Amino acid sequence: MVWHSQILKDLFMDESGKQISKDALLKKMENHILTLIDRYKGKINAWDVVNEAITPEDGCRKSKWYGIIGPEFME
């Protein structure tokens, strides 16, 4: 549901093209996750909510999620 790549850059921008706030991104993330869970309820046995967030080289992947929200985006 939350992946470091293959995601539209617009997700991280506001209407004027500026980076959105932590709170705005958390709200978008929550809405996206709840929408998917509701749509596929009863059809999915397991969910990969945060994919490839950790790298063996340096720990947390420095994604836009990490950059805007911080490491707690995985929580």
PDB file of N, CA and C in Angstrom:
ATOM      1  N   MET A   1       0.810  -1.204   0.000  1.00  0.00           N
ATOM      2  CA  MET A   1       0.000   0.000   0.000  1.00  0.00           C
ATOM      3  C   MET A   1       0.852   1.267   0.000  1.00  0.00           C
ATOM      4  N   VAL A   2       1.977   1.222   0.682  1.00  0.00           N
ATOM      5  CA  VAL A   2       2.880   2.377   0.729  1.00  0.00           C
ATOM      6  C   VAL A   2       4.245   1.897   0.262  1.00  0.00           C
ATOM      7  N   TRP A   3       4.630   2.339  -0.905  1.00  0.00           N
ATOM      8  CA  TRP A   3       5.872   1.876  -1.506  1.00  0.00           C
ATOM      9  C   TRP A   3       6.754   3.059  -1.830  1.00  0.00           C
ATOM     10  N   HIS A   4       8.039   2.836  -1.869  1.00  0.00           N
ATOM     11  CA  HIS A   4       8.995   3.923  -2.090  1.00  0.00           C
ATOM     12  C   HIS A   4       9.099   4.346  -3.552  1.00  0.00           C
ATOM     13  N   SER A   5       8.691   3.502  -4.481  1.00  0.00           N
ATOM     14  CA  SER A   5       8.796   3.863  -5.897  1.00  0.00           C
ATOM     15  C   SER A   5       7.475   3.580  -6.595  1.00  0.00           C
ATOM     16  N   GLN A   6       7.434   3.874  -7.870  1.00  0.00           N
ATOM     17  CA  GLN A   6       6.233   3.697  -8.677  1.00  0.00           C
ATOM     18  C   GLN A   6       5.028   4.360  -8.031  1.00  0.00           C
ATOM     19  N   ILE A   7       5.216   5.597  -7.619  1.00  0.00           N
ATOM     20  CA  ILE A   7       4.141   6.380  -7.031  1.00  0.00           C
ATOM     21  C   ILE A   7       4.172   7.766  -7.671  1.00  0.00           C
ATOM     22  N   LEU A   8       3.035   8.302  -7.943  1.00  0.00           N
ATOM     23  CA  LEU A   8       2.983   9.610  -8.575  1.00  0.00           C
ATOM     24  C   LEU A   8       3.607  10.679  -7.687  1.00  0.00           C
ATOM     25  N   LYS A   9       4.453  11.488  -8.253  1.00  0.00           N
ATOM     26  CA  LYS A   9       5.073  12.580  -7.497  1.00  0.00           C
ATOM     27  C   LYS A   9       4.034  13.582  -7.021  1.00  0.00           C
ATOM     28  N   ASP A  10       2.913  13.670  -7.740  1.00  0.00           N
ATOM     29  CA  ASP A  10       1.839  14.585  -7.357  1.00  0.00           C
ATOM     30  C   ASP A  10       1.269  14.275  -5.979  1.00  0.00           C
ATOM     31  N   LEU A  11       1.386  13.034  -5.545  1.00  0.00           N
ATOM     32  CA  LEU A  11       0.876  12.657  -4.230  1.00  0.00           C
ATOM     33  C   LEU A  11       1.512  13.509  -3.135  1.00  0.00           C
ATOM     34  N   PHE A  12       2.746  13.902  -3.345  1.00  0.00           N
ATOM     35  CA  PHE A  12       3.507  14.623  -2.334  1.00  0.00           C
ATOM     36  C   PHE A  12       3.437  16.135  -2.505  1.00  0.00           C
ATOM     37  N   MET A  13       2.577  16.607  -3.410  1.00  0.00           N
ATOM     38  CA  MET A  13       2.482  18.034  -3.718  1.00  0.00           C
ATOM     39  C   MET A  13       1.080  18.568  -3.414  1.00  0.00           C
ATOM     40  N   ASP A  14       1.020  19.864  -3.102  1.00  0.00           N
ATOM     41  CA  ASP A  14      -0.277  20.505  -2.947  1.00  0.00           C
ATOM     42  C   ASP A  14      -0.724  21.074  -4.294  1.00  0.00           C
ATOM     43  N   GLU A  15      -1.818  21.799  -4.304  1.00  0.00           N
ATOM     44  CA  GLU A  15      -2.378  22.330  -5.543  1.00  0.00           C
ATOM     45  C   GLU A  15      -1.441  23.298  -6.258  1.00  0.00           C
ATOM     46  N   SER A  16      -0.562  23.956  -5.496  1.00  0.00           N
ATOM     47  CA  SER A  16       0.361  24.923  -6.094  1.00  0.00           C
ATOM     48  C   SER A  16       1.702  24.297  -6.477  1.00  0.00           C
ATOM     49  N   GLY A  17       1.836  22.986  -6.289  1.00  0.00           N
ATOM     50  CA  GLY A  17       3.064  22.299  -6.668  1.00  0.00           C
ATOM     51  C   GLY A  17       4.132  22.274  -5.592  1.00  0.00           C
ATOM     52  N   LYS A  18       3.783  22.721  -4.396  1.00  0.00           N
ATOM     53  CA  LYS A  18       4.725  22.693  -3.268  1.00  0.00           C
ATOM     54  C   LYS A  18       4.546  21.404  -2.480  1.00  0.00           C
ATOM     55  N   GLN A  19       5.617  20.994  -1.805  1.00  0.00           N
ATOM     56  CA  GLN A  19       5.552  19.777  -0.987  1.00  0.00           C
ATOM     57  C   GLN A  19       4.503  19.931   0.103  1.00  0.00           C
ATOM     58  N   ILE A  20       3.693  18.883   0.285  1.00  0.00           N
ATOM     59  CA  ILE A  20       2.656  18.947   1.311  1.00  0.00           C
ATOM     60  C   ILE A  20       3.246  18.737   2.702  1.00  0.00           C
ATOM     61  N   SER A  21       2.446  19.037   3.687  1.00  0.00           N
ATOM     62  CA  SER A  21       2.875  18.905   5.079  1.00  0.00           C
ATOM     63  C   SER A  21       2.812  17.446   5.523  1.00  0.00           C
ATOM     64  N   LYS A  22       3.436  17.194   6.634  1.00  0.00           N
ATOM     65  CA  LYS A  22       3.405  15.861   7.241  1.00  0.00           C
ATOM     66  C   LYS A  22       1.967  15.438   7.511  1.00  0.00           C
ATOM     67  N   ASP A  23       1.174  16.335   8.103  1.00  0.00           N
ATOM     68  CA  ASP A  23      -0.214  15.995   8.428  1.00  0.00           C
ATOM     69  C   ASP A  23      -1.041  15.706   7.182  1.00  0.00           C
ATOM     70  N   ALA A  24      -0.826  16.484   6.116  1.00  0.00           N
ATOM     71  CA  ALA A  24      -1.562  16.263   4.869  1.00  0.00           C
ATOM     72  C   ALA A  24      -1.197  14.920   4.255  1.00  0.00           C
ATOM     73  N   LEU A  25       0.086  14.566   4.297  1.00  0.00           N
ATOM     74  CA  LEU A  25       0.504  13.283   3.727  1.00  0.00           C
ATOM     75  C   LEU A  25      -0.005  12.115   4.563  1.00  0.00           C
ATOM     76  N   LEU A  26       0.016  12.253   5.875  1.00  0.00           N
ATOM     77  CA  LEU A  26      -0.535  11.204   6.738  1.00  0.00           C
ATOM     78  C   LEU A  26      -2.014  10.988   6.445  1.00  0.00           C
ATOM     79  N   LYS A  27      -2.753  12.067   6.209  1.00  0.00           N
ATOM     80  CA  LYS A  27      -4.172  11.963   5.890  1.00  0.00           C
ATOM     81  C   LYS A  27      -4.372  11.257   4.550  1.00  0.00           C
ATOM     82  N   LYS A  28      -3.561  11.606   3.535  1.00  0.00           N
ATOM     83  CA  LYS A  28      -3.646  10.930   2.240  1.00  0.00           C
ATOM     84  C   LYS A  28      -3.327   9.447   2.381  1.00  0.00           C
ATOM     85  N   MET A  29      -2.305   9.122   3.169  1.00  0.00           N
ATOM     86  CA  MET A  29      -1.913   7.727   3.368  1.00  0.00           C
ATOM     87  C   MET A  29      -3.050   6.952   4.035  1.00  0.00           C
ATOM     88  N   GLU A  30      -3.609   7.519   5.081  1.00  0.00           N
ATOM     89  CA  GLU A  30      -4.691   6.844   5.788  1.00  0.00           C
ATOM     90  C   GLU A  30      -5.886   6.615   4.858  1.00  0.00           C
ATOM     91  N   ASN A  31      -6.257   7.618   4.093  1.00  0.00           N
ATOM     92  CA  ASN A  31      -7.381   7.495   3.170  1.00  0.00           C
ATOM     93  C   ASN A  31      -7.121   6.399   2.131  1.00  0.00           C
ATOM     94  N   HIS A  32      -5.910   6.373   1.591  1.00  0.00           N
ATOM     95  CA  HIS A  32      -5.547   5.363   0.600  1.00  0.00           C
ATOM     96  C   HIS A  32      -5.638   3.952   1.193  1.00  0.00           C
ATOM     97  N   ILE A  33      -5.078   3.762   2.366  1.00  0.00           N
ATOM     98  CA  ILE A  33      -5.084   2.445   3.010  1.00  0.00           C
ATOM     99  C   ILE A  33      -6.513   2.007   3.340  1.00  0.00           C
ATOM    100  N   LEU A  34      -7.292   2.897   3.921  1.00  0.00           N
ATOM    101  CA  LEU A  34      -8.669   2.538   4.280  1.00  0.00           C
ATOM    102  C   LEU A  34      -9.520   2.249   3.043  1.00  0.00           C
ATOM    103  N   THR A  35      -9.292   2.980   1.955  1.00  0.00           N
ATOM    104  CA  THR A  35     -10.022   2.741   0.709  1.00  0.00           C
ATOM    105  C   THR A  35      -9.721   1.346   0.165  1.00  0.00           C
ATOM    106  N   LEU A  36      -8.438   0.981   0.137  1.00  0.00           N
ATOM    107  CA  LEU A  36      -8.069  -0.345  -0.358  1.00  0.00           C
ATOM    108  C   LEU A  36      -8.601  -1.459   0.532  1.00  0.00           C
ATOM    109  N   ILE A  37      -8.484  -1.273   1.834  1.00  0.00           N
ATOM    110  CA  ILE A  37      -8.963  -2.295   2.767  1.00  0.00           C
ATOM    111  C   ILE A  37     -10.469  -2.492   2.607  1.00  0.00           C
ATOM    112  N   ASP A  38     -11.205  -1.401   2.469  1.00  0.00           N
ATOM    113  CA  ASP A  38     -12.647  -1.495   2.305  1.00  0.00           C
ATOM    114  C   ASP A  38     -12.999  -2.164   0.980  1.00  0.00           C
ATOM    115  N   ARG A  39     -12.293  -1.786  -0.087  1.00  0.00           N
ATOM    116  CA  ARG A  39     -12.586  -2.335  -1.422  1.00  0.00           C
ATOM    117  C   ARG A  39     -12.339  -3.840  -1.495  1.00  0.00           C
ATOM    118  N   TYR A  40     -11.271  -4.305  -0.837  1.00  0.00           N
ATOM    119  CA  TYR A  40     -10.887  -5.715  -0.961  1.00  0.00           C
ATOM    120  C   TYR A  40     -11.125  -6.526   0.303  1.00  0.00           C
ATOM    121  N   LYS A  41     -11.931  -6.001   1.196  1.00  0.00           N
ATOM    122  CA  LYS A  41     -12.259  -6.690   2.443  1.00  0.00           C
ATOM    123  C   LYS A  41     -12.805  -8.085   2.149  1.00  0.00           C
ATOM    124  N   GLY A  42     -12.247  -9.076   2.839  1.00  0.00           N
ATOM    125  CA  GLY A  42     -12.692 -10.450   2.673  1.00  0.00           C
ATOM    126  C   GLY A  42     -12.083 -11.170   1.481  1.00  0.00           C
ATOM    127  N   LYS A  43     -11.298 -10.470   0.669  1.00  0.00           N
ATOM    128  CA  LYS A  43     -10.700 -11.068  -0.522  1.00  0.00           C
ATOM    129  C   LYS A  43      -9.179 -11.220  -0.399  1.00  0.00           C
ATOM    130  N   ILE A  44      -8.600 -10.565   0.587  1.00  0.00           N
ATOM    131  CA  ILE A  44      -7.144 -10.561   0.767  1.00  0.00           C
ATOM    132  C   ILE A  44      -6.822 -11.215   2.107  1.00  0.00           C
ATOM    133  N   ASN A  45      -5.881 -12.161   2.096  1.00  0.00           N
ATOM    134  CA  ASN A  45      -5.500 -12.846   3.338  1.00  0.00           C
ATOM    135  C   ASN A  45      -4.457 -12.088   4.136  1.00  0.00           C
ATOM    136  N   ALA A  46      -3.571 -11.363   3.449  1.00  0.00           N
ATOM    137  CA  ALA A  46      -2.498 -10.640   4.130  1.00  0.00           C
ATOM    138  C   ALA A  46      -2.183  -9.374   3.343  1.00  0.00           C
ATOM    139  N   TRP A  47      -1.734  -8.345   4.034  1.00  0.00           N
ATOM    140  CA  TRP A  47      -1.431  -7.059   3.413  1.00  0.00           C
ATOM    141  C   TRP A  47       0.038  -6.708   3.621  1.00  0.00           C
ATOM    142  N   ASP A  48       0.679  -6.241   2.582  1.00  0.00           N
ATOM    143  CA  ASP A  48       2.023  -5.675   2.683  1.00  0.00           C
ATOM    144  C   ASP A  48       1.818  -4.168   2.714  1.00  0.00           C
ATOM    145  N   VAL A  49       1.734  -3.624   3.905  1.00  0.00           N
ATOM    146  CA  VAL A  49       1.353  -2.222   4.050  1.00  0.00           C
ATOM    147  C   VAL A  49       2.498  -1.284   3.688  1.00  0.00           C
ATOM    148  N   VAL A  50       3.679  -1.553   4.172  1.00  0.00           N
ATOM    149  CA  VAL A  50       4.851  -0.741   3.839  1.00  0.00           C
ATOM    150  C   VAL A  50       5.864  -1.664   3.175  1.00  0.00           C
ATOM    151  N   ASN A  51       6.193  -1.383   1.917  1.00  0.00           N
ATOM    152  CA  ASN A  51       7.054  -2.268   1.142  1.00  0.00           C
ATOM    153  C   ASN A  51       8.440  -1.662   0.952  1.00  0.00           C
ATOM    154  N   GLU A  52       9.449  -2.456   1.213  1.00  0.00           N
ATOM    155  CA  GLU A  52      10.845  -2.096   0.975  1.00  0.00           C
ATOM    156  C   GLU A  52      11.239  -0.767   1.627  1.00  0.00           C
ATOM    157  N   ALA A  53      10.857  -0.584   2.875  1.00  0.00           N
ATOM    158  CA  ALA A  53      11.177   0.644   3.600  1.00  0.00           C
ATOM    159  C   ALA A  53      12.555   0.594   4.258  1.00  0.00           C
ATOM    160  N   ILE A  54      13.118  -0.592   4.382  1.00  0.00           N
ATOM    161  CA  ILE A  54      14.420  -0.765   5.031  1.00  0.00           C
ATOM    162  C   ILE A  54      15.428  -1.246   3.994  1.00  0.00           C
ATOM    163  N   THR A  55      16.615  -0.661   4.033  1.00  0.00           N
ATOM    164  CA  THR A  55      17.688  -1.116   3.147  1.00  0.00           C
ATOM    165  C   THR A  55      18.778  -1.748   3.998  1.00  0.00           C
ATOM    166  N   PRO A  56      19.459  -2.763   3.481  1.00  0.00           N
ATOM    167  CA  PRO A  56      20.528  -3.392   4.260  1.00  0.00           C
ATOM    168  C   PRO A  56      21.723  -2.462   4.457  1.00  0.00           C
ATOM    169  N   GLU A  57      21.854  -1.484   3.571  1.00  0.00           N
ATOM    170  CA  GLU A  57      23.012  -0.591   3.644  1.00  0.00           C
ATOM    171  C   GLU A  57      22.908   0.460   4.748  1.00  0.00           C
ATOM    172  N   ASP A  58      21.740   1.122   4.848  1.00  0.00           N
ATOM    173  CA  ASP A  58      21.674   2.255   5.776  1.00  0.00           C
ATOM    174  C   ASP A  58      20.371   2.361   6.570  1.00  0.00           C
ATOM    175  N   GLY A  59      19.647   1.282   6.710  1.00  0.00           N
ATOM    176  CA  GLY A  59      18.424   1.320   7.514  1.00  0.00           C
ATOM    177  C   GLY A  59      17.244   1.850   6.723  1.00  0.00           C
ATOM    178  N   CYS A  60      16.590   2.867   7.238  1.00  0.00           N
ATOM    179  CA  CYS A  60      15.396   3.407   6.585  1.00  0.00           C
ATOM    180  C   CYS A  60      15.721   3.969   5.208  1.00  0.00           C
ATOM    181  N   ARG A  61      14.943   3.541   4.213  1.00  0.00           N
ATOM    182  CA  ARG A  61      15.099   4.057   2.850  1.00  0.00           C
ATOM    183  C   ARG A  61      14.689   5.531   2.857  1.00  0.00           C
ATOM    184  N   LYS A  62      15.457   6.354   2.232  1.00  0.00           N
ATOM    185  CA  LYS A  62      15.205   7.797   2.211  1.00  0.00           C
ATOM    186  C   LYS A  62      14.190   8.133   1.106  1.00  0.00           C
ATOM    187  N   SER A  63      12.969   7.667   1.287  1.00  0.00           N
ATOM    188  CA  SER A  63      11.889   7.904   0.334  1.00  0.00           C
ATOM    189  C   SER A  63      11.220   9.244   0.644  1.00  0.00           C
ATOM    190  N   LYS A  64      10.274   9.643  -0.216  1.00  0.00           N
ATOM    191  CA  LYS A  64       9.498  10.856   0.060  1.00  0.00           C
ATOM    192  C   LYS A  64       8.658  10.661   1.319  1.00  0.00           C
ATOM    193  N   TRP A  65       8.156   9.453   1.531  1.00  0.00           N
ATOM    194  CA  TRP A  65       7.403   9.167   2.758  1.00  0.00           C
ATOM    195  C   TRP A  65       8.261   9.489   3.979  1.00  0.00           C
ATOM    196  N   TYR A  66       9.484   8.970   3.949  1.00  0.00           N
ATOM    197  CA  TYR A  66      10.425   9.182   5.057  1.00  0.00           C
ATOM    198  C   TYR A  66      10.785  10.659   5.172  1.00  0.00           C
ATOM    199  N   GLY A  67      11.037  11.305   4.045  1.00  0.00           N
ATOM    200  CA  GLY A  67      11.458  12.696   4.055  1.00  0.00           C
ATOM    201  C   GLY A  67      10.416  13.643   4.610  1.00  0.00           C
ATOM    202  N   ILE A  68       9.164  13.372   4.338  1.00  0.00           N
ATOM    203  CA  ILE A  68       8.096  14.277   4.788  1.00  0.00           C
ATOM    204  C   ILE A  68       7.586  13.880   6.167  1.00  0.00           C
ATOM    205  N   ILE A  69       7.351  12.596   6.389  1.00  0.00           N
ATOM    206  CA  ILE A  69       6.757  12.141   7.648  1.00  0.00           C
ATOM    207  C   ILE A  69       7.804  11.784   8.680  1.00  0.00           C
ATOM    208  N   GLY A  70       8.920  11.216   8.233  1.00  0.00           N
ATOM    209  CA  GLY A  70       9.929  10.711   9.164  1.00  0.00           C
ATOM    210  C   GLY A  70       9.775   9.209   9.307  1.00  0.00           C
ATOM    211  N   PRO A  71      10.606   8.579  10.120  1.00  0.00           N
ATOM    212  CA  PRO A  71      10.562   7.128  10.243  1.00  0.00           C
ATOM    213  C   PRO A  71       9.246   6.584  10.780  1.00  0.00           C
ATOM    214  N   GLU A  72       8.466   7.417  11.430  1.00  0.00           N
ATOM    215  CA  GLU A  72       7.197   6.929  11.982  1.00  0.00           C
ATOM    216  C   GLU A  72       6.139   6.653  10.908  1.00  0.00           C
ATOM    217  N   PHE A  73       6.444   6.951   9.623  1.00  0.00           N
ATOM    218  CA  PHE A  73       5.475   6.634   8.579  1.00  0.00           C
ATOM    219  C   PHE A  73       5.198   5.137   8.527  1.00  0.00           C
ATOM    220  N   MET A  74       6.133   4.330   9.009  1.00  0.00           N
ATOM    221  CA  MET A  74       5.934   2.877   8.992  1.00  0.00           C
ATOM    222  C   MET A  74       4.979   2.408  10.082  1.00  0.00           C
ATOM    223  N   GLU A  75       4.789   3.211  11.072  1.00  0.00           N
ATOM    224  CA  GLU A  75       3.880   2.839  12.168  1.00  0.00           C
ATOM    225  C   GLU A  75       2.447   2.936  11.707  1.00  0.00           C
TER     226      GLU A  75
END
